[in-house]
PDB file of N, CA and C in Angstrom:
ATOM      1  N   MET A   1      13.680  16.819  -0.861  1.00  0.00           N
ATOM      2  CA  MET A   1      15.069  17.219  -0.846  1.00  0.00           C
ATOM      3  C   MET A   1      15.573  17.259   0.579  1.00  0.00           C
ATOM      4  N   ASP A   2      16.798  16.847   0.794  1.00  0.00           N
ATOM      5  CA  ASP A   2      17.353  16.982   2.121  1.00  0.00           C
ATOM      6  C   ASP A   2      17.965  18.372   2.275  1.00  0.00           C
ATOM      7  N   LYS A   3      18.430  18.689   3.464  1.00  0.00           N
ATOM      8  CA  LYS A   3      18.924  20.039   3.740  1.00  0.00           C
ATOM      9  C   LYS A   3      20.096  20.423   2.855  1.00  0.00           C
ATOM     10  N   SER A   4      20.989  19.484   2.549  1.00  0.00           N
ATOM     11  CA  SER A   4      22.146  19.817   1.735  1.00  0.00           C
ATOM     12  C   SER A   4      21.746  20.149   0.306  1.00  0.00           C
ATOM     13  N   SER A   5      20.733  19.473  -0.224  1.00  0.00           N
ATOM     14  CA  SER A   5      20.313  19.750  -1.592  1.00  0.00           C
ATOM     15  C   SER A   5      19.390  20.955  -1.668  1.00  0.00           C
ATOM     16  N   GLU A   6      18.713  21.305  -0.561  1.00  0.00           N
ATOM     17  CA  GLU A   6      17.856  22.482  -0.568  1.00  0.00           C
ATOM     18  C   GLU A   6      18.661  23.758  -0.742  1.00  0.00           C
ATOM     19  N   ALA A   7      19.901  23.770  -0.279  1.00  0.00           N
ATOM     20  CA  ALA A   7      20.717  24.962  -0.366  1.00  0.00           C
ATOM     21  C   ALA A   7      21.190  25.212  -1.797  1.00  0.00           C
ATOM     22  N   ARG A   8      21.207  24.183  -2.626  1.00  0.00           N
ATOM     23  CA  ARG A   8      21.654  24.328  -4.002  1.00  0.00           C
ATOM     24  C   ARG A   8      20.540  24.893  -4.870  1.00  0.00           C
ATOM     25  N   VAL A   9      20.936  25.533  -5.943  1.00  0.00           N
ATOM     26  CA  VAL A   9      19.989  26.087  -6.902  1.00  0.00           C
ATOM     27  C   VAL A   9      19.963  25.145  -8.102  1.00  0.00           C
ATOM     28  N   THR A  10      18.764  24.818  -8.592  1.00  0.00           N
ATOM     29  CA  THR A  10      18.680  23.949  -9.761  1.00  0.00           C
ATOM     30  C   THR A  10      19.155  24.704 -10.997  1.00  0.00           C
ATOM     31  N   SER A  11      19.696  23.968 -11.936  1.00  0.00           N
ATOM     32  CA  SER A  11      20.365  24.592 -13.072  1.00  0.00           C
ATOM     33  C   SER A  11      19.437  25.359 -14.011  1.00  0.00           C
ATOM     34  N   ILE A  12      18.253  24.892 -14.236  1.00  0.00           N
ATOM     35  CA  ILE A  12      17.358  25.574 -15.170  1.00  0.00           C
ATOM     36  C   ILE A  12      16.432  26.551 -14.454  1.00  0.00           C
ATOM     37  N   SER A  13      15.740  26.096 -13.439  1.00  0.00           N
ATOM     38  CA  SER A  13      14.735  26.941 -12.784  1.00  0.00           C
ATOM     39  C   SER A  13      15.330  27.932 -11.792  1.00  0.00           C
ATOM     40  N   LYS A  14      16.546  27.660 -11.340  1.00  0.00           N
ATOM     41  CA  LYS A  14      17.194  28.463 -10.294  1.00  0.00           C
ATOM     42  C   LYS A  14      16.414  28.393  -8.979  1.00  0.00           C
ATOM     43  N   ALA A  15      15.625  27.345  -8.824  1.00  0.00           N
ATOM     44  CA  ALA A  15      14.800  27.152  -7.632  1.00  0.00           C
ATOM     45  C   ALA A  15      15.636  26.555  -6.508  1.00  0.00           C
ATOM     46  N   ARG A  16      15.202  26.805  -5.290  1.00  0.00           N
ATOM     47  CA  ARG A  16      15.901  26.280  -4.119  1.00  0.00           C
ATOM     48  C   ARG A  16      15.076  25.243  -3.359  1.00  0.00           C
ATOM     49  N   THR A  17      13.792  25.127  -3.647  1.00  0.00           N
ATOM     50  CA  THR A  17      12.936  24.171  -2.937  1.00  0.00           C
ATOM     51  C   THR A  17      12.090  23.401  -3.945  1.00  0.00           C
ATOM     52  N   LEU A  18      11.509  22.294  -3.501  1.00  0.00           N
ATOM     53  CA  LEU A  18      10.607  21.532  -4.371  1.00  0.00           C
ATOM     54  C   LEU A  18       9.423  22.382  -4.811  1.00  0.00           C
ATOM     55  N   GLU A  19       8.926  23.221  -3.896  1.00  0.00           N
ATOM     56  CA  GLU A  19       7.783  24.076  -4.224  1.00  0.00           C
ATOM     57  C   GLU A  19       8.144  25.059  -5.332  1.00  0.00           C
ATOM     58  N   GLU A  20       9.333  25.658  -5.260  1.00  0.00           N
ATOM     59  CA  GLU A  20       9.777  26.591  -6.297  1.00  0.00           C
ATOM     60  C   GLU A  20       9.969  25.881  -7.632  1.00  0.00           C
ATOM     61  N   ILE A  21      10.507  24.664  -7.590  1.00  0.00           N
ATOM     62  CA  ILE A  21      10.677  23.879  -8.815  1.00  0.00           C
ATOM     63  C   ILE A  21       9.315  23.605  -9.440  1.00  0.00           C
ATOM     64  N   ALA A  22       8.347  23.182  -8.620  1.00  0.00           N
ATOM     65  CA  ALA A  22       6.998  22.885  -9.122  1.00  0.00           C
ATOM     66  C   ALA A  22       6.366  24.125  -9.731  1.00  0.00           C
ATOM     67  N   GLU A  23       6.481  25.265  -9.055  1.00  0.00           N
ATOM     68  CA  GLU A  23       5.912  26.509  -9.580  1.00  0.00           C
ATOM     69  C   GLU A  23       6.532  26.865 -10.928  1.00  0.00           C
ATOM     70  N   PHE A  24       7.843  26.702 -11.034  1.00  0.00           N
ATOM     71  CA  PHE A  24       8.529  27.006 -12.292  1.00  0.00           C
ATOM     72  C   PHE A  24       7.998  26.147 -13.426  1.00  0.00           C
ATOM     73  N   TRP A  25       7.954  24.825 -13.205  1.00  0.00           N
ATOM     74  CA  TRP A  25       7.553  23.924 -14.282  1.00  0.00           C
ATOM     75  C   TRP A  25       6.052  23.961 -14.550  1.00  0.00           C
ATOM     76  N   ASP A  26       5.274  24.502 -13.637  1.00  0.00           N
ATOM     77  CA  ASP A  26       3.847  24.717 -13.909  1.00  0.00           C
ATOM     78  C   ASP A  26       3.645  25.803 -14.956  1.00  0.00           C
ATOM     79  N   THR A  27       4.631  26.663 -15.106  1.00  0.00           N
ATOM     80  CA  THR A  27       4.476  27.805 -16.029  1.00  0.00           C
ATOM     81  C   THR A  27       5.486  27.802 -17.165  1.00  0.00           C
ATOM     82  N   HIS A  28       6.320  26.776 -17.269  1.00  0.00           N
ATOM     83  CA  HIS A  28       7.326  26.702 -18.327  1.00  0.00           C
ATOM     84  C   HIS A  28       7.252  25.349 -19.026  1.00  0.00           C
ATOM     85  N   SER A  29       7.756  25.300 -20.260  1.00  0.00           N
ATOM     86  CA  SER A  29       7.771  24.065 -21.033  1.00  0.00           C
ATOM     87  C   SER A  29       9.187  23.519 -21.127  1.00  0.00           C
ATOM     88  N   LEU A  30       9.330  22.215 -20.916  1.00  0.00           N
ATOM     89  CA  LEU A  30      10.629  21.569 -21.041  1.00  0.00           C
ATOM     90  C   LEU A  30      11.178  21.744 -22.460  1.00  0.00           C
ATOM     91  N   ALA A  31      10.295  21.837 -23.445  1.00  0.00           N
ATOM     92  CA  ALA A  31      10.720  22.004 -24.837  1.00  0.00           C
ATOM     93  C   ALA A  31      11.538  23.278 -25.025  1.00  0.00           C
ATOM     94  N   ASP A  32      11.275  24.285 -24.219  1.00  0.00           N
ATOM     95  CA  ASP A  32      12.018  25.547 -24.320  1.00  0.00           C
ATOM     96  C   ASP A  32      13.447  25.423 -23.792  1.00  0.00           C
ATOM     97  N   TYR A  33      13.757  24.316 -23.124  1.00  0.00           N
ATOM     98  CA  TYR A  33      15.070  24.128 -22.522  1.00  0.00           C
ATOM     99  C   TYR A  33      15.769  22.881 -23.053  1.00  0.00           C
ATOM    100  N   ALA A  34      15.356  22.409 -24.228  1.00  0.00           N
ATOM    101  CA  ALA A  34      15.882  21.162 -24.794  1.00  0.00           C
ATOM    102  C   ALA A  34      17.395  21.182 -24.927  1.00  0.00           C
ATOM    103  N   ASP A  35      17.987  22.340 -25.178  1.00  0.00           N
ATOM    104  CA  ASP A  35      19.434  22.431 -25.338  1.00  0.00           C
ATOM    105  C   ASP A  35      20.181  22.379 -24.002  1.00  0.00           C
ATOM    106  N   GLN A  36      19.452  22.449 -22.882  1.00  0.00           N
ATOM    107  CA  GLN A  36      20.088  22.461 -21.562  1.00  0.00           C
ATOM    108  C   GLN A  36      19.874  21.168 -20.776  1.00  0.00           C
ATOM    109  N   ILE A  37      19.186  20.212 -21.367  1.00  0.00           N
ATOM    110  CA  ILE A  37      18.900  18.977 -20.640  1.00  0.00           C
ATOM    111  C   ILE A  37      19.738  17.826 -21.193  1.00  0.00           C
ATOM    112  N   HIS A  38      19.879  16.788 -20.394  1.00  0.00           N
ATOM    113  CA  HIS A  38      20.595  15.602 -20.831  1.00  0.00           C
ATOM    114  C   HIS A  38      19.918  14.365 -20.251  1.00  0.00           C
ATOM    115  N   GLU A  39      20.114  13.260 -20.918  1.00  0.00           N
ATOM    116  CA  GLU A  39      19.505  12.008 -20.491  1.00  0.00           C
ATOM    117  C   GLU A  39      20.217  11.475 -19.256  1.00  0.00           C
ATOM    118  N   VAL A  40      19.439  10.954 -18.339  1.00  0.00           N
ATOM    119  CA  VAL A  40      19.999  10.348 -17.133  1.00  0.00           C
ATOM    120  C   VAL A  40      19.352   8.992 -16.910  1.00  0.00           C
ATOM    121  N   GLU A  41      20.020   8.160 -16.156  1.00  0.00           N
ATOM    122  CA  GLU A  41      19.463   6.874 -15.764  1.00  0.00           C
ATOM    123  C   GLU A  41      19.462   6.800 -14.248  1.00  0.00           C
ATOM    124  N   PHE A  42      18.409   6.228 -13.689  1.00  0.00           N
ATOM    125  CA  PHE A  42      18.349   6.033 -12.248  1.00  0.00           C
ATOM    126  C   PHE A  42      17.448   4.848 -11.960  1.00  0.00           C
ATOM    127  N   GLU A  43      17.643   4.292 -10.797  1.00  0.00           N
ATOM    128  CA  GLU A  43      16.878   3.124 -10.382  1.00  0.00           C
ATOM    129  C   GLU A  43      15.868   3.542  -9.321  1.00  0.00           C
ATOM    130  N   VAL A  44      14.674   3.029  -9.455  1.00  0.00           N
ATOM    131  CA  VAL A  44      13.625   3.305  -8.483  1.00  0.00           C
ATOM    132  C   VAL A  44      13.297   1.999  -7.770  1.00  0.00           C
ATOM    133  N   ARG A  45      13.369   2.053  -6.460  1.00  0.00           N
ATOM    134  CA  ARG A  45      13.009   0.884  -5.656  1.00  0.00           C
ATOM    135  C   ARG A  45      11.728   1.210  -4.924  1.00  0.00           C
ATOM    136  N   ALA A  46      10.677   0.539  -5.291  1.00  0.00           N
ATOM    137  CA  ALA A  46       9.380   0.780  -4.665  1.00  0.00           C
ATOM    138  C   ALA A  46       8.846  -0.524  -4.093  1.00  0.00           C
ATOM    139  N   SER A  47       8.210  -0.411  -2.976  1.00  0.00           N
ATOM    140  CA  SER A  47       7.589  -1.586  -2.376  1.00  0.00           C
ATOM    141  C   SER A  47       6.448  -2.056  -3.260  1.00  0.00           C
ATOM    142  N   ARG A  48       6.309  -3.351  -3.346  1.00  0.00           N
ATOM    143  CA  ARG A  48       5.205  -3.903  -4.128  1.00  0.00           C
ATOM    144  C   ARG A  48       3.911  -3.657  -3.381  1.00  0.00           C
ATOM    145  N   ARG A  49       2.916  -3.175  -4.096  1.00  0.00           N
ATOM    146  CA  ARG A  49       1.607  -2.903  -3.504  1.00  0.00           C
ATOM    147  C   ARG A  49       0.648  -4.025  -3.861  1.00  0.00           C
ATOM    148  N   ARG A  50      -0.290  -4.276  -2.997  1.00  0.00           N
ATOM    149  CA  ARG A  50      -1.336  -5.268  -3.232  1.00  0.00           C
ATOM    150  C   ARG A  50      -2.671  -4.545  -3.302  1.00  0.00           C
ATOM    151  N   ARG A  51      -3.569  -5.058  -4.063  1.00  0.00           N
ATOM    152  CA  ARG A  51      -4.899  -4.474  -4.176  1.00  0.00           C
ATOM    153  C   ARG A  51      -5.913  -5.387  -3.503  1.00  0.00           C
ATOM    154  N   VAL A  52      -6.871  -4.782  -2.848  1.00  0.00           N
ATOM    155  CA  VAL A  52      -7.949  -5.512  -2.195  1.00  0.00           C
ATOM    156  C   VAL A  52      -9.252  -4.919  -2.703  1.00  0.00           C
ATOM    157  N   THR A  53     -10.157  -5.767  -3.149  1.00  0.00           N
ATOM    158  CA  THR A  53     -11.442  -5.309  -3.634  1.00  0.00           C
ATOM    159  C   THR A  53     -12.384  -5.091  -2.453  1.00  0.00           C
ATOM    160  N   LEU A  54     -13.000  -3.917  -2.418  1.00  0.00           N
ATOM    161  CA  LEU A  54     -13.931  -3.578  -1.344  1.00  0.00           C
ATOM    162  C   LEU A  54     -15.341  -3.456  -1.884  1.00  0.00           C
ATOM    163  N   ASP A  55     -16.292  -3.767  -1.050  1.00  0.00           N
ATOM    164  CA  ASP A  55     -17.694  -3.545  -1.375  1.00  0.00           C
ATOM    165  C   ASP A  55     -17.874  -2.035  -1.604  1.00  0.00           C
ATOM    166  N   PRO A  56     -18.578  -1.625  -2.657  1.00  0.00           N
ATOM    167  CA  PRO A  56     -18.757  -0.195  -2.938  1.00  0.00           C
ATOM    168  C   PRO A  56     -19.338   0.597  -1.765  1.00  0.00           C
ATOM    169  N   GLY A  57     -20.266   0.001  -1.039  1.00  0.00           N
ATOM    170  CA  GLY A  57     -20.844   0.683   0.117  1.00  0.00           C
ATOM    171  C   GLY A  57     -19.826   0.908   1.219  1.00  0.00           C
ATOM    172  N   VAL A  58     -18.995  -0.105   1.454  1.00  0.00           N
ATOM    173  CA  VAL A  58     -17.940   0.007   2.466  1.00  0.00           C
ATOM    174  C   VAL A  58     -16.942   1.074   2.039  1.00  0.00           C
ATOM    175  N   PHE A  59     -16.574   1.052   0.773  1.00  0.00           N
ATOM    176  CA  PHE A  59     -15.607   2.039   0.298  1.00  0.00           C
ATOM    177  C   PHE A  59     -16.161   3.460   0.410  1.00  0.00           C
ATOM    178  N   GLY A  60     -17.434   3.630   0.129  1.00  0.00           N
ATOM    179  CA  GLY A  60     -18.056   4.944   0.270  1.00  0.00           C
ATOM    180  C   GLY A  60     -17.969   5.460   1.698  1.00  0.00           C
ATOM    181  N   ARG A  61     -18.201   4.574   2.642  1.00  0.00           N
ATOM    182  CA  ARG A  61     -18.104   4.961   4.060  1.00  0.00           C
ATOM    183  C   ARG A  61     -16.664   5.298   4.435  1.00  0.00           C
ATOM    184  N   ILE A  62     -15.721   4.548   3.883  1.00  0.00           N
ATOM    185  CA  ILE A  62     -14.302   4.833   4.127  1.00  0.00           C
ATOM    186  C   ILE A  62     -13.938   6.202   3.552  1.00  0.00           C
ATOM    187  N   GLU A  63     -14.395   6.476   2.338  1.00  0.00           N
ATOM    188  CA  GLU A  63     -14.119   7.782   1.727  1.00  0.00           C
ATOM    189  C   GLU A  63     -14.651   8.925   2.583  1.00  0.00           C
ATOM    190  N   THR A  64     -15.846   8.759   3.113  1.00  0.00           N
ATOM    191  CA  THR A  64     -16.446   9.789   3.963  1.00  0.00           C
ATOM    192  C   THR A  64     -15.599  10.011   5.208  1.00  0.00           C
ATOM    193  N   GLN A  65     -15.226   8.910   5.872  1.00  0.00           N
ATOM    194  CA  GLN A  65     -14.413   9.002   7.087  1.00  0.00           C
ATOM    195  C   GLN A  65     -13.047   9.637   6.785  1.00  0.00           C
ATOM    196  N   ALA A  66     -12.434   9.241   5.682  1.00  0.00           N
ATOM    197  CA  ALA A  66     -11.122   9.773   5.313  1.00  0.00           C
ATOM    198  C   ALA A  66     -11.214  11.274   5.034  1.00  0.00           C
ATOM    199  N   HIS A  67     -12.252  11.672   4.317  1.00  0.00           N
ATOM    200  CA  HIS A  67     -12.451  13.092   4.007  1.00  0.00           C
ATOM    201  C   HIS A  67     -12.608  13.900   5.293  1.00  0.00           C
ATOM    202  N   GLN A  68     -13.378  13.390   6.233  1.00  0.00           N
ATOM    203  CA  GLN A  68     -13.580  14.079   7.508  1.00  0.00           C
ATOM    204  C   GLN A  68     -12.273  14.240   8.272  1.00  0.00           C
ATOM    205  N   ARG A  69     -11.352  13.289   8.107  1.00  0.00           N
ATOM    206  CA  ARG A  69     -10.072  13.339   8.805  1.00  0.00           C
ATOM    207  C   ARG A  69      -8.993  14.073   8.005  1.00  0.00           C
ATOM    208  N   GLY A  70      -9.301  14.397   6.756  1.00  0.00           N
ATOM    209  CA  GLY A  70      -8.335  15.097   5.917  1.00  0.00           C
ATOM    210  C   GLY A  70      -7.194  14.232   5.428  1.00  0.00           C
ATOM    211  N   ILE A  71      -7.473  12.931   5.244  1.00  0.00           N
ATOM    212  CA  ILE A  71      -6.459  12.003   4.749  1.00  0.00           C
ATOM    213  C   ILE A  71      -7.038  11.211   3.589  1.00  0.00           C
ATOM    214  N   SER A  72      -6.179  10.514   2.876  1.00  0.00           N
ATOM    215  CA  SER A  72      -6.662   9.702   1.760  1.00  0.00           C
ATOM    216  C   SER A  72      -7.336   8.432   2.279  1.00  0.00           C
ATOM    217  N   SER A  73      -8.169   7.864   1.441  1.00  0.00           N
ATOM    218  CA  SER A  73      -8.829   6.603   1.780  1.00  0.00           C
ATOM    219  C   SER A  73      -7.801   5.505   2.015  1.00  0.00           C
ATOM    220  N   GLU A  74      -6.759   5.486   1.184  1.00  0.00           N
ATOM    221  CA  GLU A  74      -5.718   4.481   1.315  1.00  0.00           C
ATOM    222  C   GLU A  74      -5.011   4.594   2.672  1.00  0.00           C
ATOM    223  N   THR A  75      -4.710   5.818   3.082  1.00  0.00           N
ATOM    224  CA  THR A  75      -4.056   6.039   4.368  1.00  0.00           C
ATOM    225  C   THR A  75      -4.942   5.569   5.513  1.00  0.00           C
ATOM    226  N   LEU A  76      -6.221   5.910   5.448  1.00  0.00           N
ATOM    227  CA  LEU A  76      -7.148   5.509   6.506  1.00  0.00           C
ATOM    228  C   LEU A  76      -7.252   3.991   6.598  1.00  0.00           C
ATOM    229  N   VAL A  77      -7.384   3.319   5.479  1.00  0.00           N
ATOM    230  CA  VAL A  77      -7.483   1.858   5.481  1.00  0.00           C
ATOM    231  C   VAL A  77      -6.212   1.248   6.071  1.00  0.00           C
ATOM    232  N   ASN A  78      -5.050   1.767   5.673  1.00  0.00           N
ATOM    233  CA  ASN A  78      -3.791   1.247   6.215  1.00  0.00           C
ATOM    234  C   ASN A  78      -3.693   1.477   7.719  1.00  0.00           C
ATOM    235  N   LEU A  79      -4.115   2.643   8.198  1.00  0.00           N
ATOM    236  CA  LEU A  79      -4.107   2.915   9.635  1.00  0.00           C
ATOM    237  C   LEU A  79      -5.024   1.958  10.382  1.00  0.00           C
ATOM    238  N   TRP A  80      -6.242   1.797   9.872  1.00  0.00           N
ATOM    239  CA  TRP A  80      -7.202   0.916  10.530  1.00  0.00           C
ATOM    240  C   TRP A  80      -6.722  -0.532  10.543  1.00  0.00           C
ATOM    241  N   LEU A  81      -6.181  -0.994   9.434  1.00  0.00           N
ATOM    242  CA  LEU A  81      -5.698  -2.374   9.394  1.00  0.00           C
ATOM    243  C   LEU A  81      -4.514  -2.566  10.331  1.00  0.00           C
ATOM    244  N   ALA A  82      -3.606  -1.601  10.381  1.00  0.00           N
ATOM    245  CA  ALA A  82      -2.461  -1.696  11.290  1.00  0.00           C
ATOM    246  C   ALA A  82      -2.934  -1.736  12.741  1.00  0.00           C
ATOM    247  N   GLU A  83      -3.920  -0.908  13.090  1.00  0.00           N
ATOM    248  CA  GLU A  83      -4.470  -0.916  14.451  1.00  0.00           C
ATOM    249  C   GLU A  83      -5.096  -2.266  14.768  1.00  0.00           C
ATOM    250  N   ARG A  84      -5.852  -2.786  13.835  1.00  0.00           N
ATOM    251  CA  ARG A  84      -6.530  -4.070  14.051  1.00  0.00           C
ATOM    252  C   ARG A  84      -5.515  -5.193  14.221  1.00  0.00           C
ATOM    253  N   LEU A  85      -4.474  -5.185  13.423  1.00  0.00           N
ATOM    254  CA  LEU A  85      -3.444  -6.212  13.530  1.00  0.00           C
ATOM    255  C   LEU A  85      -2.694  -6.097  14.844  1.00  0.00           C
ATOM    256  N   GLN A  86      -2.483  -4.873  15.313  1.00  0.00           N
ATOM    257  CA  GLN A  86      -1.827  -4.662  16.605  1.00  0.00           C
ATOM    258  C   GLN A  86      -2.679  -5.227  17.737  1.00  0.00           C
ATOM    259  N   GLN A  87      -3.979  -4.998  17.655  1.00  0.00           N
ATOM    260  CA  GLN A  87      -4.896  -5.517  18.664  1.00  0.00           C
ATOM    261  C   GLN A  87      -4.946  -7.029  18.675  1.00  0.00           C
ATOM    262  N   ALA A  88      -4.761  -7.642  17.522  1.00  0.00           N
ATOM    263  CA  ALA A  88      -4.833  -9.095  17.390  1.00  0.00           C
ATOM    264  C   ALA A  88      -3.630  -9.792  18.026  1.00  0.00           C
ATOM    265  N   ASN A  89      -2.561  -9.059  18.242  1.00  0.00           N
ATOM    266  CA  ASN A  89      -1.339  -9.665  18.825  1.00  0.00           C
ATOM    267  C   ASN A  89      -1.376  -9.702  20.305  1.00  0.00           C
TER     268      ASN A  89
END
């Protein structure tokens, strides 16, 4: 949420932040609010992702390194590849 939307209160949960919204819906059922909801349409634009197959041993080492750094394996691989590509230029 941006700053302008953070100041608003959501209609059902009365939450002001994403964290408050998540806490509310972790303990409530949408079925209990069926009379207060309405259908909406929206478009999602997401970058296309590509998959690369890794040797299981290599992936295990990546997982270990990522865990030690407190980041996901995907993030670590992207960082390493970006660094390598930068060096290649």
